[in-house]
PDB file of N, CA and C in Angstrom:
ATOM      1  N   MET A   1      -5.739 -13.377   4.711  1.00  0.00           N
ATOM      2  CA  MET A   1      -6.626 -12.232   4.544  1.00  0.00           C
ATOM      3  C   MET A   1      -7.029 -12.128   3.081  1.00  0.00           C
ATOM      4  N   ALA A   2      -8.271 -11.826   2.823  1.00  0.00           N
ATOM      5  CA  ALA A   2      -8.795 -11.787   1.467  1.00  0.00           C
ATOM      6  C   ALA A   2      -8.376 -10.547   0.696  1.00  0.00           C
ATOM      7  N   ILE A   3      -8.081  -9.454   1.394  1.00  0.00           N
ATOM      8  CA  ILE A   3      -7.607  -8.239   0.728  1.00  0.00           C
ATOM      9  C   ILE A   3      -6.081  -8.244   0.759  1.00  0.00           C
ATOM     10  N   VAL A   4      -5.485  -8.144  -0.406  1.00  0.00           N
ATOM     11  CA  VAL A   4      -4.028  -8.166  -0.530  1.00  0.00           C
ATOM     12  C   VAL A   4      -3.559  -6.770  -0.927  1.00  0.00           C
ATOM     13  N   VAL A   5      -2.527  -6.291  -0.258  1.00  0.00           N
ATOM     14  CA  VAL A   5      -1.949  -4.983  -0.561  1.00  0.00           C
ATOM     15  C   VAL A   5      -0.731  -5.193  -1.458  1.00  0.00           C
ATOM     16  N   ASN A   6      -0.790  -4.637  -2.657  1.00  0.00           N
ATOM     17  CA  ASN A   6       0.301  -4.764  -3.627  1.00  0.00           C
ATOM     18  C   ASN A   6       1.200  -3.533  -3.631  1.00  0.00           C
ATOM     19  N   LEU A   7       1.381  -2.928  -2.485  1.00  0.00           N
ATOM     20  CA  LEU A   7       2.154  -1.695  -2.380  1.00  0.00           C
ATOM     21  C   LEU A   7       3.587  -1.889  -2.849  1.00  0.00           C
ATOM     22  N   ASP A   8       4.205  -3.000  -2.481  1.00  0.00           N
ATOM     23  CA  ASP A   8       5.593  -3.231  -2.875  1.00  0.00           C
ATOM     24  C   ASP A   8       5.744  -3.321  -4.389  1.00  0.00           C
ATOM     25  N   VAL A   9       4.747  -3.905  -5.067  1.00  0.00           N
ATOM     26  CA  VAL A   9       4.787  -4.027  -6.526  1.00  0.00           C
ATOM     27  C   VAL A   9       4.705  -2.646  -7.178  1.00  0.00           C
ATOM     28  N   VAL A  10       3.772  -1.822  -6.708  1.00  0.00           N
ATOM     29  CA  VAL A  10       3.597  -0.481  -7.276  1.00  0.00           C
ATOM     30  C   VAL A  10       4.820   0.378  -6.983  1.00  0.00           C
ATOM     31  N   MET A  11       5.370   0.263  -5.780  1.00  0.00           N
ATOM     32  CA  MET A  11       6.579   1.022  -5.445  1.00  0.00           C
ATOM     33  C   MET A  11       7.728   0.639  -6.359  1.00  0.00           C
ATOM     34  N   ALA A  12       7.881  -0.641  -6.649  1.00  0.00           N
ATOM     35  CA  ALA A  12       8.961  -1.100  -7.537  1.00  0.00           C
ATOM     36  C   ALA A  12       8.770  -0.551  -8.949  1.00  0.00           C
ATOM     37  N   LYS A  13       7.527  -0.577  -9.435  1.00  0.00           N
ATOM     38  CA  LYS A  13       7.242  -0.044 -10.774  1.00  0.00           C
ATOM     39  C   LYS A  13       7.554   1.445 -10.862  1.00  0.00           C
ATOM     40  N   LYS A  14       7.279   2.168  -9.780  1.00  0.00           N
ATOM     41  CA  LYS A  14       7.510   3.619  -9.756  1.00  0.00           C
ATOM     42  C   LYS A  14       8.921   3.965  -9.286  1.00  0.00           C
ATOM     43  N   LYS A  15       9.694   2.936  -8.939  1.00  0.00           N
ATOM     44  CA  LYS A  15      11.081   3.120  -8.480  1.00  0.00           C
ATOM     45  C   LYS A  15      11.161   4.072  -7.285  1.00  0.00           C
ATOM     46  N   MET A  16      10.294   3.814  -6.297  1.00  0.00           N
ATOM     47  CA  MET A  16      10.282   4.647  -5.103  1.00  0.00           C
ATOM     48  C   MET A  16      10.619   3.787  -3.888  1.00  0.00           C
ATOM     49  N   SER A  17      11.515   4.286  -3.078  1.00  0.00           N
ATOM     50  CA  SER A  17      11.911   3.557  -1.868  1.00  0.00           C
ATOM     51  C   SER A  17      10.859   3.731  -0.773  1.00  0.00           C
ATOM     52  N   ALA A  18      10.903   2.842   0.196  1.00  0.00           N
ATOM     53  CA  ALA A  18       9.971   2.908   1.318  1.00  0.00           C
ATOM     54  C   ALA A  18      10.182   4.180   2.128  1.00  0.00           C
ATOM     55  N   SER A  19      11.429   4.555   2.321  1.00  0.00           N
ATOM     56  CA  SER A  19      11.694   5.763   3.111  1.00  0.00           C
ATOM     57  C   SER A  19      11.198   7.014   2.393  1.00  0.00           C
ATOM     58  N   GLU A  20      11.342   7.059   1.076  1.00  0.00           N
ATOM     59  CA  GLU A  20      10.851   8.206   0.307  1.00  0.00           C
ATOM     60  C   GLU A  20       9.327   8.276   0.350  1.00  0.00           C
ATOM     61  N   LEU A  21       8.671   7.129   0.185  1.00  0.00           N
ATOM     62  CA  LEU A  21       7.210   7.114   0.223  1.00  0.00           C
ATOM     63  C   LEU A  21       6.694   7.493   1.608  1.00  0.00           C
ATOM     64  N   ALA A  22       7.316   6.959   2.649  1.00  0.00           N
ATOM     65  CA  ALA A  22       6.896   7.292   4.014  1.00  0.00           C
ATOM     66  C   ALA A  22       7.000   8.798   4.255  1.00  0.00           C
ATOM     67  N   ALA A  23       8.070   9.409   3.775  1.00  0.00           N
ATOM     68  CA  ALA A  23       8.247  10.852   3.948  1.00  0.00           C
ATOM     69  C   ALA A  23       7.184  11.630   3.171  1.00  0.00           C
ATOM     70  N   ARG A  24       6.902  11.212   1.938  1.00  0.00           N
ATOM     71  CA  ARG A  24       5.901  11.911   1.128  1.00  0.00           C
ATOM     72  C   ARG A  24       4.499  11.784   1.699  1.00  0.00           C
ATOM     73  N   VAL A  25       4.195  10.623   2.248  1.00  0.00           N
ATOM     74  CA  VAL A  25       2.858  10.353   2.762  1.00  0.00           C
ATOM     75  C   VAL A  25       2.729  10.818   4.216  1.00  0.00           C
ATOM     76  N   GLN A  26       3.851  11.061   4.839  1.00  0.00           N
ATOM     77  CA  GLN A  26       3.921  11.493   6.236  1.00  0.00           C
ATOM     78  C   GLN A  26       3.371  10.437   7.188  1.00  0.00           C
ATOM     79  N   ILE A  27       3.835   9.191   6.980  1.00  0.00           N
ATOM     80  CA  ILE A  27       3.577   8.128   7.934  1.00  0.00           C
ATOM     81  C   ILE A  27       4.925   7.543   8.344  1.00  0.00           C
ATOM     82  N   THR A  28       4.924   6.829   9.436  1.00  0.00           N
ATOM     83  CA  THR A  28       6.185   6.269   9.914  1.00  0.00           C
ATOM     84  C   THR A  28       6.612   5.115   9.010  1.00  0.00           C
ATOM     85  N   PRO A  29       7.918   4.901   8.893  1.00  0.00           N
ATOM     86  CA  PRO A  29       8.389   3.742   8.123  1.00  0.00           C
ATOM     87  C   PRO A  29       7.826   2.425   8.665  1.00  0.00           C
ATOM     88  N   ALA A  30       7.623   2.347   9.984  1.00  0.00           N
ATOM     89  CA  ALA A  30       7.058   1.127  10.578  1.00  0.00           C
ATOM     90  C   ALA A  30       5.631   0.886  10.087  1.00  0.00           C
ATOM     91  N   ASN A  31       4.816   1.934  10.030  1.00  0.00           N
ATOM     92  CA  ASN A  31       3.444   1.780   9.542  1.00  0.00           C
ATOM     93  C   ASN A  31       3.412   1.446   8.059  1.00  0.00           C
ATOM     94  N   LEU A  32       4.319   2.022   7.292  1.00  0.00           N
ATOM     95  CA  LEU A  32       4.409   1.701   5.868  1.00  0.00           C
ATOM     96  C   LEU A  32       4.798   0.233   5.695  1.00  0.00           C
ATOM     97  N   SER A  33       5.705  -0.244   6.514  1.00  0.00           N
ATOM     98  CA  SER A  33       6.127  -1.643   6.469  1.00  0.00           C
ATOM     99  C   SER A  33       4.965  -2.581   6.763  1.00  0.00           C
ATOM    100  N   ILE A  34       4.125  -2.217   7.712  1.00  0.00           N
ATOM    101  CA  ILE A  34       2.942  -3.021   8.038  1.00  0.00           C
ATOM    102  C   ILE A  34       2.031  -3.123   6.821  1.00  0.00           C
ATOM    103  N   LEU A  35       1.851  -2.021   6.112  1.00  0.00           N
ATOM    104  CA  LEU A  35       1.039  -2.036   4.887  1.00  0.00           C
ATOM    105  C   LEU A  35       1.688  -2.901   3.808  1.00  0.00           C
ATOM    106  N   LYS A  36       2.978  -2.679   3.595  1.00  0.00           N
ATOM    107  CA  LYS A  36       3.705  -3.398   2.538  1.00  0.00           C
ATOM    108  C   LYS A  36       3.689  -4.905   2.744  1.00  0.00           C
ATOM    109  N   ASN A  37       3.720  -5.328   3.990  1.00  0.00           N
ATOM    110  CA  ASN A  37       3.827  -6.754   4.302  1.00  0.00           C
ATOM    111  C   ASN A  37       2.483  -7.416   4.597  1.00  0.00           C
ATOM    112  N   ASN A  38       1.395  -6.751   4.186  1.00  0.00           N
ATOM    113  CA  ASN A  38       0.041  -7.293   4.355  1.00  0.00           C
ATOM    114  C   ASN A  38      -0.296  -7.630   5.801  1.00  0.00           C
ATOM    115  N   LYS A  39       0.194  -6.848   6.732  1.00  0.00           N
ATOM    116  CA  LYS A  39      -0.093  -7.058   8.149  1.00  0.00           C
ATOM    117  C   LYS A  39      -1.165  -6.094   8.661  1.00  0.00           C
ATOM    118  N   ALA A  40      -1.557  -5.125   7.844  1.00  0.00           N
ATOM    119  CA  ALA A  40      -2.525  -4.104   8.267  1.00  0.00           C
ATOM    120  C   ALA A  40      -3.929  -4.693   8.334  1.00  0.00           C
ATOM    121  N   LYS A  41      -4.665  -4.279   9.341  1.00  0.00           N
ATOM    122  CA  LYS A  41      -6.071  -4.676   9.482  1.00  0.00           C
ATOM    123  C   LYS A  41      -6.992  -3.651   8.830  1.00  0.00           C
ATOM    124  N   ALA A  42      -6.497  -2.419   8.649  1.00  0.00           N
ATOM    125  CA  ALA A  42      -7.305  -1.337   8.085  1.00  0.00           C
ATOM    126  C   ALA A  42      -6.358  -0.270   7.537  1.00  0.00           C
ATOM    127  N   ILE A  43      -6.921   0.591   6.705  1.00  0.00           N
ATOM    128  CA  ILE A  43      -6.175   1.744   6.202  1.00  0.00           C
ATOM    129  C   ILE A  43      -7.149   2.916   6.115  1.00  0.00           C
ATOM    130  N   ARG A  44      -6.710   4.056   6.551  1.00  0.00           N
ATOM    131  CA  ARG A  44      -7.554   5.250   6.457  1.00  0.00           C
ATOM    132  C   ARG A  44      -7.607   5.704   5.000  1.00  0.00           C
ATOM    133  N   PHE A  45      -8.769   6.213   4.613  1.00  0.00           N
ATOM    134  CA  PHE A  45      -8.896   6.727   3.249  1.00  0.00           C
ATOM    135  C   PHE A  45      -7.917   7.865   3.005  1.00  0.00           C
ATOM    136  N   SER A  46      -7.647   8.677   4.009  1.00  0.00           N
ATOM    137  CA  SER A  46      -6.697   9.780   3.829  1.00  0.00           C
ATOM    138  C   SER A  46      -5.292   9.248   3.552  1.00  0.00           C
ATOM    139  N   THR A  47      -4.922   8.146   4.191  1.00  0.00           N
ATOM    140  CA  THR A  47      -3.619   7.530   3.934  1.00  0.00           C
ATOM    141  C   THR A  47      -3.595   6.911   2.548  1.00  0.00           C
ATOM    142  N   LEU A  48      -4.660   6.216   2.183  1.00  0.00           N
ATOM    143  CA  LEU A  48      -4.755   5.614   0.855  1.00  0.00           C
ATOM    144  C   LEU A  48      -4.681   6.686  -0.226  1.00  0.00           C
ATOM    145  N   GLU A  49      -5.375   7.795  -0.002  1.00  0.00           N
ATOM    146  CA  GLU A  49      -5.342   8.907  -0.954  1.00  0.00           C
ATOM    147  C   GLU A  49      -3.924   9.467  -1.096  1.00  0.00           C
ATOM    148  N   ALA A  50      -3.243   9.655   0.022  1.00  0.00           N
ATOM    149  CA  ALA A  50      -1.882  10.195  -0.010  1.00  0.00           C
ATOM    150  C   ALA A  50      -0.924   9.245  -0.732  1.00  0.00           C
ATOM    151  N   ILE A  51      -1.079   7.947  -0.513  1.00  0.00           N
ATOM    152  CA  ILE A  51      -0.232   6.961  -1.198  1.00  0.00           C
ATOM    153  C   ILE A  51      -0.506   6.996  -2.697  1.00  0.00           C
ATOM    154  N   CYS A  52      -1.777   7.060  -3.073  1.00  0.00           N
ATOM    155  CA  CYS A  52      -2.136   7.121  -4.495  1.00  0.00           C
ATOM    156  C   CYS A  52      -1.565   8.378  -5.154  1.00  0.00           C
ATOM    157  N   LYS A  53      -1.617   9.499  -4.455  1.00  0.00           N
ATOM    158  CA  LYS A  53      -1.043  10.733  -5.005  1.00  0.00           C
ATOM    159  C   LYS A  53       0.460  10.606  -5.162  1.00  0.00           C
ATOM    160  N   ALA A  54       1.127  10.079  -4.151  1.00  0.00           N
ATOM    161  CA  ALA A  54       2.589   9.965  -4.182  1.00  0.00           C
ATOM    162  C   ALA A  54       3.061   9.003  -5.268  1.00  0.00           C
ATOM    163  N   LEU A  55       2.299   7.940  -5.498  1.00  0.00           N
ATOM    164  CA  LEU A  55       2.691   6.932  -6.492  1.00  0.00           C
ATOM    165  C   LEU A  55       1.997   7.108  -7.837  1.00  0.00           C
ATOM    166  N   ASP A  56       1.125   8.131  -7.940  1.00  0.00           N
ATOM    167  CA  ASP A  56       0.371   8.388  -9.169  1.00  0.00           C
ATOM    168  C   ASP A  56      -0.321   7.108  -9.647  1.00  0.00           C
ATOM    169  N   CYS A  57      -1.159   6.561  -8.762  1.00  0.00           N
ATOM    170  CA  CYS A  57      -1.861   5.325  -9.085  1.00  0.00           C
ATOM    171  C   CYS A  57      -3.286   5.384  -8.554  1.00  0.00           C
ATOM    172  N   GLN A  58      -4.036   4.348  -8.816  1.00  0.00           N
ATOM    173  CA  GLN A  58      -5.411   4.214  -8.352  1.00  0.00           C
ATOM    174  C   GLN A  58      -5.446   3.239  -7.170  1.00  0.00           C
ATOM    175  N   PRO A  59      -6.461   3.347  -6.294  1.00  0.00           N
ATOM    176  CA  PRO A  59      -6.571   2.394  -5.181  1.00  0.00           C
ATOM    177  C   PRO A  59      -6.583   0.938  -5.654  1.00  0.00           C
ATOM    178  N   GLY A  60      -7.196   0.687  -6.791  1.00  0.00           N
ATOM    179  CA  GLY A  60      -7.234  -0.670  -7.337  1.00  0.00           C
ATOM    180  C   GLY A  60      -5.873  -1.199  -7.743  1.00  0.00           C
ATOM    181  N   ASP A  61      -4.909  -0.310  -7.966  1.00  0.00           N
ATOM    182  CA  ASP A  61      -3.548  -0.739  -8.255  1.00  0.00           C
ATOM    183  C   ASP A  61      -2.884  -1.277  -6.987  1.00  0.00           C
ATOM    184  N   LEU A  62      -3.334  -0.793  -5.845  1.00  0.00           N
ATOM    185  CA  LEU A  62      -2.726  -1.154  -4.567  1.00  0.00           C
ATOM    186  C   LEU A  62      -3.426  -2.309  -3.866  1.00  0.00           C
ATOM    187  N   LEU A  63      -4.726  -2.442  -4.082  1.00  0.00           N
ATOM    188  CA  LEU A  63      -5.516  -3.425  -3.348  1.00  0.00           C
ATOM    189  C   LEU A  63      -6.125  -4.456  -4.290  1.00  0.00           C
ATOM    190  N   ALA A  64      -6.119  -5.712  -3.862  1.00  0.00           N
ATOM    191  CA  ALA A  64      -6.732  -6.785  -4.643  1.00  0.00           C
ATOM    192  C   ALA A  64      -7.505  -7.707  -3.702  1.00  0.00           C
ATOM    193  N   PHE A  65      -8.567  -8.298  -4.209  1.00  0.00           N
ATOM    194  CA  PHE A  65      -9.359  -9.260  -3.444  1.00  0.00           C
ATOM    195  C   PHE A  65      -9.028 -10.660  -3.923  1.00  0.00           C
ATOM    196  N   GLU A  66      -8.649 -11.518  -2.995  1.00  0.00           N
ATOM    197  CA  GLU A  66      -8.399 -12.925  -3.308  1.00  0.00           C
ATOM    198  C   GLU A  66      -9.329 -13.759  -2.447  1.00  0.00           C
ATOM    199  N   ASP A  67     -10.237 -14.468  -3.083  1.00  0.00           N
ATOM    200  CA  ASP A  67     -11.222 -15.271  -2.365  1.00  0.00           C
ATOM    201  C   ASP A  67     -10.538 -16.493  -1.754  1.00  0.00           C
ATOM    202  N   GLU A  68     -10.450 -16.515  -0.444  1.00  0.00           N
ATOM    203  CA  GLU A  68      -9.765 -17.615   0.252  1.00  0.00           C
ATOM    204  C   GLU A  68     -10.544 -18.920   0.139  1.00  0.00           C
ATOM    205  N   ASP A  69     -11.841 -18.842  -0.089  1.00  0.00           N
ATOM    206  CA  ASP A  69     -12.656 -20.055  -0.215  1.00  0.00           C
ATOM    207  C   ASP A  69     -12.379 -20.804  -1.511  1.00  0.00           C
ATOM    208  N   LYS A  70     -11.851 -20.125  -2.500  1.00  0.00           N
ATOM    209  CA  LYS A  70     -11.600 -20.737  -3.803  1.00  0.00           C
ATOM    210  C   LYS A  70     -10.162 -21.232  -3.963  1.00  0.00           C
ATOM    211  N   LYS A  71      -9.406 -21.205  -2.885  1.00  0.00           N
ATOM    212  CA  LYS A  71      -8.012 -21.677  -2.949  1.00  0.00           C
ATOM    213  C   LYS A  71      -7.950 -23.146  -2.638  1.00  0.00           C
TER     214      LYS A  71
END
Protein backbone atom coordinates (compact mmCIF):
# COMPACT_ATOMS: atom_id res chain seq x y z
CA MET A 1 0.00 0.00 0.00
CA ALA A 2 1.33 3.43 -0.91
CA ILE A 3 0.03 5.14 2.24
CA VAL A 4 1.96 4.09 5.33
CA VAL A 5 0.63 4.67 8.85
CA ASN A 6 3.39 5.60 11.30
CA LEU A 7 1.13 5.39 14.34
CA ASP A 8 3.46 3.07 16.25
CA VAL A 9 6.37 5.50 15.79
CA VAL A 10 4.38 8.49 17.06
CA MET A 11 3.00 6.47 19.97
CA ALA A 12 6.53 5.46 20.98
CA LYS A 13 7.74 9.08 20.81
CA LYS A 14 4.81 10.18 22.99
CA LYS A 15 5.24 7.16 25.30
CA MET A 16 1.60 6.16 24.97
CA SER A 17 0.40 2.57 25.04
CA ALA A 18 -2.10 1.17 22.57
CA SER A 19 -4.66 0.55 25.29
CA GLU A 20 -4.37 4.14 26.55
CA LEU A 21 -4.71 5.58 23.04
CA ALA A 22 -7.68 3.33 22.23
CA ALA A 23 -9.43 4.52 25.40
CA ARG A 24 -8.72 8.20 24.66
CA VAL A 25 -9.85 7.93 21.05
CA GLN A 26 -12.77 5.66 21.95
CA ILE A 27 -12.03 2.96 19.40
CA THR A 28 -11.56 -0.72 20.03
CA PRO A 29 -8.04 -2.05 20.60
CA ALA A 30 -8.61 -4.33 17.59
CA ASN A 31 -9.32 -1.36 15.29
CA LEU A 32 -6.31 0.51 16.66
CA SER A 33 -4.18 -2.56 15.95
CA ILE A 34 -5.41 -2.61 12.35
CA LEU A 35 -4.28 1.01 11.98
CA LYS A 36 -0.94 0.42 13.70
CA ASN A 37 -0.12 -2.58 11.52
CA ASN A 38 -0.94 -0.86 8.20
CA LYS A 39 -3.90 -3.18 7.56
CA ALA A 40 -6.52 -0.40 7.35
CA LYS A 41 -8.10 0.40 4.00
CA ALA A 42 -9.51 3.74 5.23
CA ILE A 43 -9.71 5.99 8.26
CA ARG A 44 -12.46 8.40 9.18
CA PHE A 45 -11.43 12.02 9.55
CA SER A 46 -13.09 12.05 12.98
CA THR A 47 -10.87 9.15 14.07
CA LEU A 48 -7.78 10.79 12.59
CA GLU A 49 -8.67 14.03 14.38
CA ALA A 50 -9.13 12.23 17.70
CA ILE A 51 -5.78 10.43 17.32
CA CYS A 52 -4.04 13.72 16.49
CA LYS A 53 -5.57 15.36 19.56
CA ALA A 54 -4.62 12.47 21.84
CA LEU A 55 -1.04 12.35 20.55
CA ASP A 56 -0.67 16.13 20.04
CA CYS A 57 0.50 15.66 16.47
CA GLN A 58 -0.39 16.50 12.88
CA PRO A 59 -1.92 14.07 10.33
CA GLY A 60 1.34 14.24 8.40
CA ASP A 61 3.14 12.84 11.43
CA LEU A 62 0.95 9.74 11.19
CA LEU A 63 0.64 9.24 7.43
CA ALA A 64 3.30 8.99 4.73
CA PHE A 65 3.18 8.31 0.99
CA GLU A 66 5.63 5.78 -0.42
CA ASP A 67 5.56 5.44 -4.20
CA GLU A 68 5.53 1.70 -4.88
CA ASP A 69 6.52 2.28 -8.51
CA LYS A 70 9.87 3.73 -7.45
CA LYS A 71 10.89 0.75 -5.31
